[in-house]
Amino acid sequence: MSALFGNYGKRRAQIVKGQGTVVEDSAGKQYLDFTSGIAVASLGHAHPAIVQALQEQSEKLWHISNLFEIPGQEKVAQKLIANTHFAHAFFCNSGAEANEAAIKLARKHTGKHHIVTFEKSFHGRTFGAMSATGQGKIHNGFGPLVEKFTILPFNDVAALEAAIDDSVAAIMLEMIQGEGGVNCVSAEFAAAIAKACADKGILLIVDEVQTGIGRTGTRYAYEQTILKPHIMTLAKGLGGGFPVGAMLGTTELHATFSPGTHGTTFGGNPLAMNVAQAILDHVFEPVFLQQVQEASAYFVAQLKAHLPSSYTIQGQGLLLGIGCGDIEVASYIAAAEEKGLLLVGAGPNVIRLLPPLTVSKEEIDKAVAILKTILH
């Protein structure tokens, strides 16, 4: 019996190394990695800039704690908030931690406890983040959840309007529900959320753990909507594989997180900040983001050209989904792995496509060719 808990359904392949979009297992078989570690490996595996950043900082200082100034935090924070309406950042280690910070900040700032979230959402597995998540399978077996979360149907304007009152501290949502089916926020729903927040003085928390840092073709996915969140959470692609999380907030929230109100031992350590800086130096360049948009357009066009019309293509940038109707996709994902393509699901009926942001057209063509043999 393994010395590990069995809370993960492990794949058969044991991946031992990778370069760019290609990974290799312990038997020497190579795969195209269109999971990116679940939207994490933004620049692919073992990108030279990330390797160099980690190596250089590892020879200087790994950890000093947030009792001291960490200059890299200020640099990364300035990069994240530049040319946005945000003013401040808090660094942690994961998306769940960033969402916990966001929930705490919203409640403390408003003095209210009620937070509205949505069905099929995913915000993490810690108790606050799990309580915000609109999926029963995440809740089951863990007893009472954190109170005062109302979970509404996604993209349902009438349900939103009926639920909003003066008790609501915040609305929390993903621009694209990555775990819940690659479901995008509609323009109508975004407008209703913006109006509700403005009318009732409600804070808007946008969870960009999966969509942020160039994944959708812009720095942040909210930039493609009318929404201007008061709080935004980031992780995954921010570290390219090194554990990094962040929460951004607007000016008026600064005083709410005064000394001693929230903290983390490892968050924002020098190693994490040097890696994040290397990621942002690449991903936030306009030319790079344009390349992501072009790769996305090419990928969508190839999928539509080569897959039967019974499959739907959804999502934005390089967070795409293949909707398979009522068909469960687990067998498709296993078949793709056999053929050398690593995929992940988004709920039971959607295949999620998350290649590195550096994926080439040739690699997209190879992936589509494999998908074509499976989805016929």
Protein backbone atom coordinates (compact mmCIF):
# COMPACT_ATOMS: atom_id res chain seq x y z
CA MET A 1 0.00 0.00 0.00
CA SER A 2 1.19 3.51 -0.81
CA ALA A 3 2.44 5.79 1.94
CA LEU A 4 0.27 8.53 0.36
CA PHE A 5 -3.40 9.26 0.97
CA GLY A 6 -5.54 8.21 -1.97
CA ASN A 7 -7.26 11.54 -2.61
CA TYR A 8 -5.99 11.81 -6.19
CA GLY A 9 -7.04 9.60 -9.09
CA LYS A 10 -3.56 9.18 -10.56
CA ARG A 11 -2.92 8.81 -14.28
CA ARG A 12 -0.90 5.84 -15.49
CA ALA A 13 1.94 7.89 -17.00
CA GLN A 14 4.68 8.94 -14.58
CA ILE A 15 6.00 12.20 -15.99
CA VAL A 16 9.69 12.70 -15.22
CA LYS A 17 10.80 15.62 -17.40
CA GLY A 18 9.58 18.25 -19.82
CA GLN A 19 10.68 20.96 -22.22
CA GLY A 20 8.27 23.49 -23.63
CA THR A 21 5.01 21.74 -24.54
CA VAL A 22 6.51 18.23 -24.55
CA VAL A 23 6.83 16.00 -21.49
CA GLU A 24 8.28 12.51 -21.13
CA ASP A 25 7.31 9.64 -18.86
CA SER A 26 9.48 7.14 -16.99
CA ALA A 27 9.24 4.70 -19.93
CA GLY A 28 10.58 7.31 -22.38
CA LYS A 29 7.23 8.00 -24.08
CA GLN A 30 6.64 11.62 -25.06
CA TYR A 31 3.39 13.56 -24.84
CA LEU A 32 2.05 16.94 -25.88
CA ASP A 33 1.03 18.51 -22.58
CA PHE A 34 -2.24 20.34 -23.14
CA THR A 35 -2.92 20.51 -19.41
CA SER A 36 0.00 22.83 -18.46
CA GLY A 37 -0.30 21.40 -14.96
CA ILE A 38 -3.91 22.71 -15.02
CA ALA A 39 -3.20 26.19 -16.45
CA VAL A 40 0.05 26.61 -14.54
CA ALA A 41 2.98 26.18 -16.97
CA SER A 42 2.36 29.47 -18.78
CA LEU A 43 5.75 29.45 -20.51
CA GLY A 44 5.89 25.66 -20.83
CA HIS A 45 8.20 23.32 -18.98
CA ALA A 46 11.75 24.29 -17.98
CA HIS A 47 11.63 27.68 -19.73
CA PRO A 48 15.19 29.10 -19.63
CA ALA A 49 14.11 32.43 -18.11
CA ILE A 50 12.31 30.72 -15.22
CA VAL A 51 15.15 28.27 -14.63
CA GLN A 52 17.63 31.15 -14.54
CA ALA A 53 15.47 33.24 -12.20
CA LEU A 54 15.12 30.36 -9.76
CA GLN A 55 18.77 29.40 -9.87
CA GLU A 56 20.02 32.95 -9.38
CA GLN A 57 17.77 33.65 -6.41
CA SER A 58 18.42 30.23 -4.84
CA GLU A 59 22.06 31.23 -4.41
CA LYS A 60 21.13 34.46 -2.59
CA LEU A 61 18.11 34.07 -0.29
CA TRP A 62 15.20 31.64 -0.17
CA HIS A 63 13.18 32.75 2.82
CA ILE A 64 13.24 35.59 5.33
CA SER A 65 9.51 35.88 6.29
CA ASN A 66 7.22 38.86 5.96
CA LEU A 67 8.62 40.38 9.14
CA PHE A 68 11.12 42.00 6.77
CA GLU A 69 10.85 43.94 3.52
CA ILE A 70 11.09 41.69 0.47
CA PRO A 71 11.99 44.01 -2.46
CA GLY A 72 10.77 41.52 -5.06
CA GLN A 73 7.23 41.84 -3.73
CA GLU A 74 7.11 45.53 -4.53
CA LYS A 75 8.44 44.92 -8.06
CA VAL A 76 5.93 42.18 -8.83
CA ALA A 77 3.07 44.14 -7.26
CA GLN A 78 3.87 47.19 -9.40
CA LYS A 79 3.91 44.98 -12.50
CA LEU A 80 0.54 43.43 -11.62
CA ILE A 81 -1.26 46.70 -10.93
CA ALA A 82 0.35 48.79 -13.70
CA ASN A 83 -2.26 50.36 -16.01
CA THR A 84 -5.15 48.93 -13.98
CA HIS A 85 -7.50 50.39 -11.38
CA PHE A 86 -5.87 48.25 -8.67
CA ALA A 87 -3.49 49.80 -6.15
CA HIS A 88 -2.22 47.08 -3.81
CA ALA A 89 -1.23 43.40 -3.73
CA PHE A 90 -0.98 40.67 -1.10
CA PHE A 91 1.12 37.58 -1.88
CA CYS A 92 0.44 34.03 -0.75
CA ASN A 93 1.07 30.51 -2.04
CA SER A 94 -2.03 29.35 -3.93
CA GLY A 95 -5.36 30.26 -5.43
CA ALA A 96 -7.28 28.93 -2.44
CA GLU A 97 -5.20 31.12 -0.11
CA ALA A 98 -5.78 34.14 -2.34
CA ASN A 99 -9.53 33.49 -2.28
CA GLU A 100 -9.53 33.08 1.50
CA ALA A 101 -7.80 36.46 1.74
CA ALA A 102 -10.39 37.99 -0.60
CA ILE A 103 -13.30 36.65 1.45
CA LYS A 104 -11.76 37.93 4.68
CA LEU A 105 -11.00 41.34 3.18
CA ALA A 106 -14.53 41.76 1.79
CA ARG A 107 -16.18 40.83 5.08
CA LYS A 108 -13.91 42.98 7.20
CA HIS A 109 -14.12 46.01 4.91
CA THR A 110 -17.92 46.00 4.58
CA GLY A 111 -18.78 44.73 8.05
CA LYS A 112 -21.18 42.34 6.28
CA HIS A 113 -20.91 38.57 5.92
CA HIS A 114 -23.18 37.61 3.02
CA ILE A 115 -21.35 36.66 -0.21
CA VAL A 116 -23.03 35.64 -3.48
CA THR A 117 -21.35 33.01 -5.66
CA PHE A 118 -22.48 30.77 -8.51
CA GLU A 119 -23.29 27.20 -9.45
CA LYS A 120 -20.46 25.20 -11.09
CA SER A 121 -17.87 27.64 -9.72
CA PHE A 122 -14.62 26.50 -8.16
CA HIS A 123 -12.69 28.64 -5.70
CA GLY A 124 -10.58 26.12 -3.79
CA ARG A 125 -10.72 23.40 -1.14
CA THR A 126 -10.03 25.26 2.11
CA PHE A 127 -13.19 25.82 4.13
CA GLY A 128 -13.96 29.38 3.06
CA ALA A 129 -13.06 28.78 -0.59
CA MET A 130 -14.94 25.45 -0.57
CA SER A 131 -18.02 27.16 0.86
CA ALA A 132 -17.87 29.68 -1.97
CA THR A 133 -17.64 26.88 -4.54
CA GLY A 134 -20.90 25.97 -6.25
CA GLN A 135 -20.33 22.23 -6.58
CA GLY A 136 -21.81 19.68 -4.20
CA LYS A 137 -19.11 17.11 -4.92
CA ILE A 138 -16.56 19.49 -3.37
CA HIS A 139 -18.68 19.90 -0.22
CA ASN A 140 -19.75 16.32 0.41
CA GLY A 141 -18.67 14.70 3.65
CA PHE A 142 -17.04 17.70 5.31
CA GLY A 143 -19.85 18.78 7.60
CA PRO A 144 -21.14 22.34 8.06
CA LEU A 145 -19.69 24.84 5.64
CA VAL A 146 -18.85 28.47 6.34
CA GLU A 147 -22.15 30.34 6.63
CA LYS A 148 -23.59 33.20 4.61
CA PHE A 149 -22.75 32.05 1.09
CA THR A 150 -25.62 32.14 -1.39
CA ILE A 151 -24.98 30.11 -4.55
CA LEU A 152 -27.01 31.23 -7.60
CA PRO A 153 -27.36 29.90 -11.16
CA PHE A 154 -24.55 31.22 -13.39
CA ASN A 155 -25.46 33.78 -16.07
CA ASP A 156 -29.02 34.07 -14.66
CA VAL A 157 -29.81 37.78 -14.42
CA ALA A 158 -33.24 37.31 -12.83
CA ALA A 159 -31.86 35.08 -10.07
CA LEU A 160 -29.12 37.60 -9.35
CA GLU A 161 -31.49 40.55 -9.16
CA ALA A 162 -33.83 38.64 -6.84
CA ALA A 163 -31.02 37.74 -4.44
CA ILE A 164 -29.35 41.13 -4.11
CA ASP A 165 -30.17 43.20 -1.04
CA ASP A 166 -28.43 45.40 1.51
CA SER A 167 -27.00 42.38 3.39
CA VAL A 168 -24.64 41.41 0.55
CA ALA A 169 -20.97 42.18 1.14
CA ALA A 170 -19.61 40.84 -2.14
CA ILE A 171 -20.29 39.00 -5.36
CA MET A 172 -17.59 36.46 -6.21
CA LEU A 173 -17.20 34.89 -9.64
CA GLU A 174 -14.88 33.54 -12.30
CA MET A 175 -14.80 35.14 -15.74
CA ILE A 176 -14.65 31.61 -17.16
CA GLN A 177 -15.64 28.65 -15.00
CA GLY A 178 -12.62 26.48 -15.73
CA GLU A 179 -13.52 23.53 -13.50
CA GLY A 180 -17.26 23.89 -14.06
CA GLY A 181 -17.37 23.45 -17.84
CA VAL A 182 -15.46 26.35 -19.48
CA ASN A 183 -18.51 28.60 -19.10
CA CYS A 184 -17.95 32.28 -19.93
CA VAL A 185 -19.67 35.21 -18.24
CA SER A 186 -22.23 36.64 -20.67
CA ALA A 187 -22.24 40.35 -21.50
CA GLU A 188 -25.76 40.65 -20.08
CA PHE A 189 -24.73 38.99 -16.81
CA ALA A 190 -21.63 41.18 -16.49
CA ALA A 191 -23.81 44.27 -16.91
CA ALA A 192 -26.24 43.05 -14.24
CA ILE A 193 -23.38 42.37 -11.80
CA ALA A 194 -21.87 45.81 -12.44
CA LYS A 195 -25.24 47.46 -11.80
CA ALA A 196 -25.88 45.49 -8.63
CA CYS A 197 -22.50 46.40 -7.21
CA ALA A 198 -22.91 50.08 -8.05
CA ASP A 199 -26.49 50.31 -6.76
CA LYS A 200 -25.93 48.50 -3.46
CA GLY A 201 -22.27 49.32 -2.71
CA ILE A 202 -21.32 45.66 -3.11
CA LEU A 203 -17.71 44.60 -3.58
CA LEU A 204 -16.90 42.53 -6.65
CA ILE A 205 -14.37 39.71 -6.22
CA VAL A 206 -13.13 38.20 -9.48
CA ASP A 207 -11.32 34.88 -9.20
CA GLU A 208 -8.73 34.88 -11.99
CA VAL A 209 -6.69 32.01 -10.57
CA GLN A 210 -7.11 30.09 -13.83
CA THR A 211 -7.89 32.88 -16.30
CA GLY A 212 -5.30 35.47 -15.26
CA ILE A 213 -1.73 36.11 -16.44
CA GLY A 214 -2.42 35.97 -20.17
CA ARG A 215 -4.39 32.73 -20.31
CA THR A 216 -7.31 34.33 -22.16
CA GLY A 217 -5.19 36.55 -24.42
CA THR A 218 -5.20 39.64 -22.19
CA ARG A 219 -3.39 40.18 -18.90
CA TYR A 220 -6.62 39.47 -17.04
CA ALA A 221 -9.88 38.11 -18.40
CA TYR A 222 -12.00 40.83 -16.76
CA GLU A 223 -10.36 43.30 -19.17
CA GLN A 224 -12.50 41.79 -21.94
CA THR A 225 -15.70 42.79 -20.08
CA ILE A 226 -17.17 45.95 -18.55
CA LEU A 227 -16.42 44.68 -15.05
CA LYS A 228 -13.95 46.41 -12.74
CA PRO A 229 -13.50 44.22 -9.70
CA HIS A 230 -12.60 45.66 -6.32
CA ILE A 231 -10.65 42.50 -5.51
CA MET A 232 -8.99 40.02 -7.85
CA THR A 233 -7.23 36.75 -7.08
CA LEU A 234 -4.39 35.14 -9.02
CA ALA A 235 -2.19 32.04 -8.85
CA LYS A 236 -1.44 29.17 -11.28
CA GLY A 237 0.20 30.92 -14.27
CA LEU A 238 1.74 33.61 -12.06
CA GLY A 239 4.43 31.18 -10.91
CA GLY A 240 4.69 28.95 -13.96
CA GLY A 241 4.92 25.95 -11.62
CA PHE A 242 6.40 27.60 -8.54
CA PRO A 243 3.74 28.09 -5.82
CA VAL A 244 2.62 31.73 -5.96
CA GLY A 245 -0.73 33.33 -5.23
CA ALA A 246 -1.79 36.97 -5.14
CA MET A 247 -4.75 39.14 -4.25
CA LEU A 248 -5.07 42.60 -5.78
CA GLY A 249 -7.28 45.32 -4.35
CA THR A 250 -8.30 48.91 -4.91
CA THR A 251 -7.12 51.94 -2.92
CA GLU A 252 -10.07 52.12 -0.53
CA LEU A 253 -9.36 48.60 0.76
CA HIS A 254 -5.80 49.30 1.88
CA ALA A 255 -6.52 50.34 5.47
CA THR A 256 -8.72 47.29 6.09
CA PHE A 257 -5.76 44.93 5.98
CA SER A 258 -3.75 46.70 8.67
CA PRO A 259 -0.77 45.03 10.42
CA GLY A 260 -1.73 41.75 12.05
CA THR A 261 -5.08 41.29 10.27
CA HIS A 262 -3.86 38.66 7.80
CA GLY A 263 -0.61 36.91 6.98
CA THR A 264 1.32 33.97 5.60
CA THR A 265 4.64 32.35 6.45
CA PHE A 266 5.85 31.52 2.95
CA GLY A 267 3.84 33.89 0.75
CA GLY A 268 5.84 36.26 -1.41
CA ASN A 269 9.20 34.76 -0.52
CA PRO A 270 12.22 35.83 -2.60
CA LEU A 271 12.23 32.65 -4.71
CA ALA A 272 8.57 33.04 -5.63
CA MET A 273 8.93 36.71 -6.46
CA ASN A 274 11.93 36.22 -8.72
CA VAL A 275 10.10 33.52 -10.67
CA ALA A 276 6.91 35.61 -10.92
CA GLN A 277 8.91 38.58 -12.19
CA ALA A 278 10.41 36.41 -14.94
CA ILE A 279 6.93 35.19 -15.94
CA LEU A 280 5.46 38.69 -16.08
CA ASP A 281 8.41 40.08 -18.03
CA HIS A 282 7.42 37.68 -20.82
CA VAL A 283 3.65 37.29 -20.60
CA PHE A 284 2.69 40.94 -20.11
CA GLU A 285 4.49 42.06 -23.27
CA PRO A 286 1.88 43.17 -25.86
CA VAL A 287 3.57 41.10 -28.59
CA PHE A 288 3.34 37.96 -26.44
CA LEU A 289 -0.35 38.54 -25.66
CA GLN A 290 -1.01 39.08 -29.36
CA GLN A 291 0.62 35.72 -30.08
CA VAL A 292 -1.68 34.06 -27.52
CA GLN A 293 -4.69 35.58 -29.27
CA GLU A 294 -3.44 34.39 -32.65
CA ALA A 295 -2.76 30.88 -31.34
CA SER A 296 -6.26 30.81 -29.87
CA ALA A 297 -7.91 31.88 -33.11
CA TYR A 298 -5.91 29.27 -35.04
CA PHE A 299 -6.75 26.55 -32.51
CA VAL A 300 -10.48 27.32 -32.56
CA ALA A 301 -10.50 27.40 -36.37
CA GLN A 302 -8.75 24.02 -36.59
CA LEU A 303 -11.06 22.44 -34.04
CA LYS A 304 -14.15 23.68 -35.88
CA ALA A 305 -12.73 22.55 -39.23
CA HIS A 306 -11.79 19.03 -38.14
CA LEU A 307 -14.29 18.01 -35.46
CA PRO A 308 -17.94 17.09 -36.10
CA SER A 309 -20.39 19.94 -35.56
CA SER A 310 -22.03 18.00 -32.71
CA TYR A 311 -19.14 19.15 -30.51
CA THR A 312 -19.18 22.75 -29.28
CA ILE A 313 -16.05 24.89 -28.89
CA GLN A 314 -16.14 27.34 -25.99
CA GLY A 315 -13.84 29.52 -23.90
CA GLN A 316 -11.31 32.25 -24.66
CA GLY A 317 -7.61 32.47 -25.39
CA LEU A 318 -5.89 29.23 -24.49
CA LEU A 319 -8.55 28.19 -22.01
CA LEU A 320 -10.79 26.31 -24.40
CA GLY A 321 -13.35 23.57 -24.00
CA ILE A 322 -14.86 20.93 -26.26
CA GLY A 323 -18.45 20.37 -25.17
CA CYS A 324 -19.49 16.77 -25.74
CA GLY A 325 -23.20 17.04 -24.98
CA ASP A 326 -24.30 14.27 -22.63
CA ILE A 327 -21.21 12.14 -23.29
CA GLU A 328 -18.80 11.71 -20.39
CA VAL A 329 -15.28 12.62 -21.49
CA ALA A 330 -13.16 10.42 -19.20
CA SER A 331 -12.71 7.76 -21.89
CA TYR A 332 -11.73 10.40 -24.47
CA ILE A 333 -9.09 11.80 -22.14
CA ALA A 334 -7.66 8.31 -21.54
CA ALA A 335 -7.63 7.57 -25.28
CA ALA A 336 -5.81 10.85 -25.98
CA GLU A 337 -3.16 9.99 -23.39
CA GLU A 338 -2.56 6.65 -25.13
CA LYS A 339 -1.97 8.57 -28.35
CA GLY A 340 0.43 11.04 -26.73
CA LEU A 341 -1.81 13.99 -25.82
CA LEU A 342 -2.45 14.99 -22.20
CA LEU A 343 -5.84 16.56 -21.52
CA VAL A 344 -8.03 17.32 -18.51
CA GLY A 345 -11.78 17.54 -18.07
CA ALA A 346 -13.94 20.47 -17.02
CA GLY A 347 -16.84 18.70 -15.38
CA PRO A 348 -18.08 15.37 -16.76
CA ASN A 349 -18.95 16.43 -20.30
CA VAL A 350 -16.30 18.96 -21.39
CA ILE A 351 -12.69 18.41 -22.48
CA ARG A 352 -10.51 21.30 -21.32
CA LEU A 353 -7.62 22.47 -23.53
CA LEU A 354 -4.86 24.27 -21.62
CA PRO A 355 -1.63 24.25 -23.62
CA PRO A 356 1.27 26.45 -22.56
CA LEU A 357 0.89 30.02 -23.81
CA THR A 358 3.99 29.36 -25.93
CA VAL A 359 2.33 26.53 -27.91
CA SER A 360 3.19 26.49 -31.62
CA LYS A 361 0.83 26.04 -34.57
CA GLU A 362 2.60 22.77 -35.36
CA GLU A 363 1.84 21.50 -31.86
CA ILE A 364 -1.77 22.61 -32.20
CA ASP A 365 -2.00 20.70 -35.50
CA LYS A 366 -0.66 17.54 -33.82
CA ALA A 367 -3.17 17.88 -30.99
CA VAL A 368 -6.08 18.43 -33.36
CA ALA A 369 -5.04 15.41 -35.42
CA ILE A 370 -5.17 13.25 -32.29
CA LEU A 371 -8.50 14.71 -31.20
CA LYS A 372 -9.89 14.03 -34.67
CA THR A 373 -9.16 10.31 -34.31
CA ILE A 374 -10.92 10.20 -30.94
CA LEU A 375 -13.91 12.51 -31.47
CA HIS A 376 -15.57 11.15 -34.58
